[in-house]
C-alpha atoms as a PDB file:
ATOM      1  CA  MET A   1      44.788 114.066 -44.569  1.00  0.00           C
ATOM      2  CA  LEU A   2      47.170 111.168 -45.363  1.00  0.00           C
ATOM      3  CA  PHE A   3      46.924 111.948 -49.076  1.00  0.00           C
ATOM      4  CA  LEU A   4      47.743 115.626 -48.465  1.00  0.00           C
ATOM      5  CA  ASP A   5      50.640 114.614 -46.203  1.00  0.00           C
ATOM      6  CA  PHE A   6      51.949 112.451 -49.042  1.00  0.00           C
ATOM      7  CA  LEU A   7      51.638 115.345 -51.525  1.00  0.00           C
ATOM      8  CA  ARG A   8      53.482 117.664 -49.119  1.00  0.00           C
ATOM      9  CA  GLU A   9      56.252 115.149 -48.320  1.00  0.00           C
ATOM     10  CA  THR A  10      56.909 114.455 -52.002  1.00  0.00           C
ATOM     11  CA  GLY A  11      56.927 118.153 -52.898  1.00  0.00           C
ATOM     12  CA  LEU A  12      53.857 117.969 -55.132  1.00  0.00           C
ATOM     13  CA  ILE A  13      52.318 120.720 -53.002  1.00  0.00           C
ATOM     14  CA  LYS A  14      54.165 123.106 -50.708  1.00  0.00           C
ATOM     15  CA  SER A  15      55.021 121.943 -47.208  1.00  0.00           C
ATOM     16  CA  GLU A  16      55.306 125.560 -46.061  1.00  0.00           C
ATOM     17  CA  CYS A  17      54.130 128.882 -47.421  1.00  0.00           C
ATOM     18  CA  ILE A  18      55.069 132.534 -46.804  1.00  0.00           C
ATOM     19  CA  CYS A  19      52.422 135.274 -46.707  1.00  0.00           C
ATOM     20  CA  HIS A  20      52.646 137.670 -49.647  1.00  0.00           C
ATOM     21  CA  LYS A  21      51.293 140.546 -47.501  1.00  0.00           C
ATOM     22  CA  CYS A  22      53.356 140.399 -44.311  1.00  0.00           C
ATOM     23  CA  ASN A  23      56.131 137.920 -45.195  1.00  0.00           C
ATOM     24  CA  SER A  24      55.246 135.609 -42.272  1.00  0.00           C
ATOM     25  CA  PRO A  25      54.898 131.817 -42.306  1.00  0.00           C
ATOM     26  CA  MET A  26      51.346 130.698 -43.096  1.00  0.00           C
ATOM     27  CA  LYS A  27      49.462 127.861 -41.364  1.00  0.00           C
ATOM     28  CA  PHE A  28      47.999 124.816 -43.106  1.00  0.00           C
ATOM     29  CA  ALA A  29      44.350 124.923 -42.021  1.00  0.00           C
ATOM     30  CA  ALA A  30      41.135 123.021 -42.685  1.00  0.00           C
ATOM     31  CA  LYS A  31      38.613 124.886 -44.817  1.00  0.00           C
ATOM     32  CA  ASN A  32      35.540 122.826 -45.645  1.00  0.00           C
ATOM     33  CA  SER A  33      34.235 125.312 -48.221  1.00  0.00           C
ATOM     34  CA  LEU A  34      37.097 124.395 -50.594  1.00  0.00           C
ATOM     35  CA  SER A  35      37.132 121.243 -52.723  1.00  0.00           C
ATOM     36  CA  ASP A  36      40.578 120.356 -51.359  1.00  0.00           C
ATOM     37  CA  GLY A  37      39.416 120.880 -47.767  1.00  0.00           C
ATOM     38  CA  TYR A  38      42.514 122.878 -46.754  1.00  0.00           C
ATOM     39  CA  SER A  39      44.212 126.198 -47.451  1.00  0.00           C
ATOM     40  CA  TRP A  40      47.166 128.286 -46.311  1.00  0.00           C
ATOM     41  CA  ILE A  41      46.177 131.110 -43.952  1.00  0.00           C
ATOM     42  CA  CYS A  42      48.228 133.838 -42.295  1.00  0.00           C
ATOM     43  CA  ARG A  43      47.488 134.257 -38.591  1.00  0.00           C
ATOM     44  CA  LYS A  44      50.063 136.991 -37.877  1.00  0.00           C
ATOM     45  CA  SER A  45      48.640 139.651 -35.591  1.00  0.00           C
ATOM     46  CA  THR A  46      49.845 143.263 -35.631  1.00  0.00           C
ATOM     47  CA  ASN A  47      48.161 146.019 -33.564  1.00  0.00           C
ATOM     48  CA  ASN A  48      45.292 143.643 -32.735  1.00  0.00           C
ATOM     49  CA  LYS A  49      44.675 143.017 -36.455  1.00  0.00           C
ATOM     50  CA  VAL A  50      45.087 139.560 -37.965  1.00  0.00           C
ATOM     51  CA  CYS A  51      46.573 139.552 -41.470  1.00  0.00           C
ATOM     52  CA  GLY A  52      44.179 136.802 -42.637  1.00  0.00           C
ATOM     53  CA  ALA A  53      45.687 136.384 -46.118  1.00  0.00           C
ATOM     54  CA  THR A  54      44.908 133.018 -47.693  1.00  0.00           C
ATOM     55  CA  LYS A  55      46.296 130.897 -50.512  1.00  0.00           C
ATOM     56  CA  THR A  56      45.004 127.664 -51.942  1.00  0.00           C
ATOM     57  CA  ILE A  57      47.121 124.599 -51.166  1.00  0.00           C
ATOM     58  CA  ARG A  58      47.526 124.251 -54.942  1.00  0.00           C
ATOM     59  CA  HIS A  59      49.379 127.596 -55.147  1.00  0.00           C
ATOM     60  CA  GLY A  60      52.737 127.175 -56.862  1.00  0.00           C
ATOM     61  CA  SER A  61      52.169 123.541 -57.829  1.00  0.00           C
ATOM     62  CA  TRP A  62      51.204 121.851 -61.067  1.00  0.00           C
ATOM     63  CA  PHE A  63      47.662 121.522 -59.679  1.00  0.00           C
ATOM     64  CA  THR A  64      47.234 125.337 -59.684  1.00  0.00           C
ATOM     65  CA  CYS A  65      44.862 125.911 -62.599  1.00  0.00           C
ATOM     66  CA  SER A  66      42.916 122.651 -62.622  1.00  0.00           C
ATOM     67  CA  LYS A  67      39.252 122.351 -61.729  1.00  0.00           C
ATOM     68  CA  LEU A  68      39.683 118.653 -60.930  1.00  0.00           C
ATOM     69  CA  ARG A  69      40.053 117.487 -57.334  1.00  0.00           C
ATOM     70  CA  LEU A  70      43.580 116.594 -56.237  1.00  0.00           C
ATOM     71  CA  GLY A  71      42.732 112.898 -55.978  1.00  0.00           C
ATOM     72  CA  GLU A  72      41.343 112.902 -59.518  1.00  0.00           C
ATOM     73  CA  ILE A  73      44.480 114.570 -60.861  1.00  0.00           C
ATOM     74  CA  PHE A  74      46.656 112.096 -58.998  1.00  0.00           C
ATOM     75  CA  MET A  75      44.764 109.055 -60.343  1.00  0.00           C
ATOM     76  CA  LEU A  76      44.656 110.503 -63.864  1.00  0.00           C
ATOM     77  CA  THR A  77      48.413 111.116 -63.786  1.00  0.00           C
ATOM     78  CA  PHE A  78      49.031 107.611 -62.424  1.00  0.00           C
ATOM     79  CA  GLU A  79      46.939 106.006 -65.186  1.00  0.00           C
ATOM     80  CA  ILE A  80      48.582 108.055 -67.959  1.00  0.00           C
ATOM     81  CA  ILE A  81      52.089 107.220 -66.722  1.00  0.00           C
ATOM     82  CA  LEU A  82      51.129 103.532 -66.534  1.00  0.00           C
ATOM     83  CA  GLY A  83      50.161 103.761 -70.197  1.00  0.00           C
ATOM     84  CA  SER A  84      46.473 102.995 -69.732  1.00  0.00           C
ATOM     85  CA  ALA A  85      44.320 103.686 -72.782  1.00  0.00           C
ATOM     86  CA  THR A  86      42.595 107.062 -72.558  1.00  0.00           C
ATOM     87  CA  SER A  87      39.269 105.432 -73.444  1.00  0.00           C
ATOM     88  CA  GLU A  88      39.595 103.152 -70.393  1.00  0.00           C
ATOM     89  CA  ILE A  89      40.598 106.059 -68.147  1.00  0.00           C
ATOM     90  CA  GLY A  90      37.638 108.102 -69.380  1.00  0.00           C
ATOM     91  CA  GLN A  91      35.190 105.280 -68.678  1.00  0.00           C
ATOM     92  CA  THR A  92      36.659 104.403 -65.291  1.00  0.00           C
ATOM     93  CA  TYR A  93      36.842 107.956 -63.929  1.00  0.00           C
ATOM     94  CA  SER A  94      34.229 109.750 -66.098  1.00  0.00           C
ATOM     95  CA  PHE A  95      36.664 112.276 -67.580  1.00  0.00           C
ATOM     96  CA  SER A  96      35.802 114.006 -70.847  1.00  0.00           C
ATOM     97  CA  SER A  97      37.970 113.357 -73.894  1.00  0.00           C
ATOM     98  CA  ALA A  98      39.053 117.023 -73.812  1.00  0.00           C
ATOM     99  CA  THR A  99      40.213 116.699 -70.184  1.00  0.00           C
ATOM    100  CA  LEU A 100      42.101 113.507 -71.009  1.00  0.00           C
ATOM    101  CA  ALA A 101      43.777 115.080 -74.041  1.00  0.00           C
ATOM    102  CA  ASP A 102      44.792 118.202 -72.093  1.00  0.00           C
ATOM    103  CA  TRP A 103      46.180 116.268 -69.135  1.00  0.00           C
ATOM    104  CA  SER A 104      47.949 113.681 -71.322  1.00  0.00           C
ATOM    105  CA  GLN A 105      49.721 116.458 -73.204  1.00  0.00           C
ATOM    106  CA  PHE A 106      50.531 118.345 -69.994  1.00  0.00           C
ATOM    107  CA  ILE A 107      51.957 115.257 -68.268  1.00  0.00           C
ATOM    108  CA  ASN A 108      54.037 114.393 -71.332  1.00  0.00           C
ATOM    109  CA  GLU A 109      55.414 117.954 -71.397  1.00  0.00           C
ATOM    110  CA  VAL A 110      56.298 117.790 -67.680  1.00  0.00           C
ATOM    111  CA  ILE A 111      58.097 114.467 -68.185  1.00  0.00           C
ATOM    112  CA  LEU A 112      59.956 115.797 -71.234  1.00  0.00           C
ATOM    113  CA  ASP A 113      61.007 118.933 -69.333  1.00  0.00           C
ATOM    114  CA  TYR A 114      62.249 116.764 -66.460  1.00  0.00           C
ATOM    115  CA  VAL A 115      64.254 114.521 -68.779  1.00  0.00           C
ATOM    116  CA  GLU A 116      65.770 117.496 -70.619  1.00  0.00           C
ATOM    117  CA  ASN A 117      66.695 119.276 -67.378  1.00  0.00           C
ATOM    118  CA  ASN A 118      68.075 116.184 -65.629  1.00  0.00           C
ATOM    119  CA  SER A 119      69.931 114.454 -68.466  1.00  0.00           C
ATOM    120  CA  GLU A 120      73.665 114.083 -68.615  1.00  0.00           C
ATOM    121  CA  LYS A 121      75.923 113.260 -71.525  1.00  0.00           C
ATOM    122  CA  ILE A 122      77.401 109.793 -71.730  1.00  0.00           C
ATOM    123  CA  GLY A 123      80.648 108.663 -73.296  1.00  0.00           C
ATOM    124  CA  GLY A 124      83.788 110.716 -73.611  1.00  0.00           C
ATOM    125  CA  ALA A 125      87.510 109.981 -73.665  1.00  0.00           C
ATOM    126  CA  GLY A 126      88.211 106.348 -72.808  1.00  0.00           C
ATOM    127  CA  LYS A 127      84.513 105.432 -72.601  1.00  0.00           C
ATOM    128  CA  ILE A 128      82.709 103.011 -74.879  1.00  0.00           C
ATOM    129  CA  VAL A 129      79.049 103.552 -75.742  1.00  0.00           C
ATOM    130  CA  GLU A 130      77.155 100.737 -77.451  1.00  0.00           C
ATOM    131  CA  VAL A 131      74.481 102.143 -79.784  1.00  0.00           C
ATOM    132  CA  ASP A 132      71.605 100.332 -81.479  1.00  0.00           C
ATOM    133  CA  GLU A 133      68.538 101.269 -83.476  1.00  0.00           C
ATOM    134  CA  SER A 134      65.156  99.741 -84.237  1.00  0.00           C
ATOM    135  CA  LYS A 135      62.212 100.736 -86.355  1.00  0.00           C
ATOM    136  CA  PHE A 136      58.765 100.093 -84.953  1.00  0.00           C
ATOM    137  CA  GLY A 137      55.874 100.011 -87.368  1.00  0.00           C
ATOM    138  CA  LYS A 138      53.210  98.032 -89.159  1.00  0.00           C
ATOM    139  CA  ARG A 139      53.749  95.878 -92.199  1.00  0.00           C
ATOM    140  CA  LYS A 140      51.279  96.141 -95.035  1.00  0.00           C
ATOM    141  CA  TYR A 141      49.095  93.025 -94.934  1.00  0.00           C
ATOM    142  CA  HIS A 142      51.573  91.691 -92.356  1.00  0.00           C
ATOM    143  CA  ARG A 143      54.100  90.991 -95.167  1.00  0.00           C
ATOM    144  CA  GLY A 144      57.324  92.430 -96.450  1.00  0.00           C
ATOM    145  CA  HIS A 145      59.371  95.258 -95.040  1.00  0.00           C
ATOM    146  CA  ALA A 146      58.105  97.861 -92.586  1.00  0.00           C
ATOM    147  CA  VAL A 147      56.688 100.791 -94.548  1.00  0.00           C
ATOM    148  CA  GLU A 148      55.623 103.122 -91.759  1.00  0.00           C
ATOM    149  CA  GLY A 149      57.111 103.440 -88.347  1.00  0.00           C
ATOM    150  CA  GLN A 150      59.173 105.151 -85.735  1.00  0.00           C
ATOM    151  CA  TRP A 151      62.944 104.905 -85.487  1.00  0.00           C
ATOM    152  CA  VAL A 152      64.234 104.484 -81.944  1.00  0.00           C
ATOM    153  CA  PHE A 153      67.911 104.848 -81.050  1.00  0.00           C
ATOM    154  CA  GLY A 154      69.512 103.932 -77.768  1.00  0.00           C
ATOM    155  CA  GLY A 155      72.917 103.635 -76.224  1.00  0.00           C
ATOM    156  CA  VAL A 156      74.513 102.232 -73.081  1.00  0.00           C
ATOM    157  CA  GLU A 157      77.851 103.314 -71.641  1.00  0.00           C
ATOM    158  CA  ARG A 158      79.927 100.283 -70.722  1.00  0.00           C
ATOM    159  CA  GLY A 159      80.838 100.102 -67.061  1.00  0.00           C
ATOM    160  CA  SER A 160      78.534 102.789 -65.698  1.00  0.00           C
ATOM    161  CA  GLY A 161      75.279 101.527 -67.215  1.00  0.00           C
ATOM    162  CA  LYS A 162      74.282 105.105 -68.108  1.00  0.00           C
ATOM    163  CA  LEU A 163      71.994 105.171 -71.103  1.00  0.00           C
ATOM    164  CA  PHE A 164      70.104 107.291 -73.587  1.00  0.00           C
ATOM    165  CA  THR A 165      67.134 106.772 -75.874  1.00  0.00           C
ATOM    166  CA  THR A 166      65.706 108.968 -78.571  1.00  0.00           C
ATOM    167  CA  PHE A 167      63.362 108.632 -81.501  1.00  0.00           C
ATOM    168  CA  PHE A 168      62.978 110.092 -84.986  1.00  0.00           C
END
């Protein structure tokens, strides 16, 4: 239950749920037949009839469509964000390469959406932004100039410490 409390407190799953049938608050209840062990259930009684509507605790979260257990998703997400190699994650947790590829892409999309929706512009009148660039790549036979690679640009606003990074 501590893990589920953590997920609820951090907003990864809902901390409260409203019944879609009768618009009443639902209860968080144990349900051993489910892989997560809990569900939302409506206990509202009208004319001696209990509504009884149920929703999975995953409803409305990014866990909604996954067949993995919540703990597996959490550990997989943690490992991907840490930058662990997918081959190591697959061996450690016995995930298929297809599952790893799907979740890696999904997590990257969620992070990108977050960054795009929560970014703010830096600079402006009277502000100085220091910009730099680097190219990351491999040198042929470890000699000469970089022939393949990824350009990375970044900038820091003096005073505030606000920054940006991007790549091409």
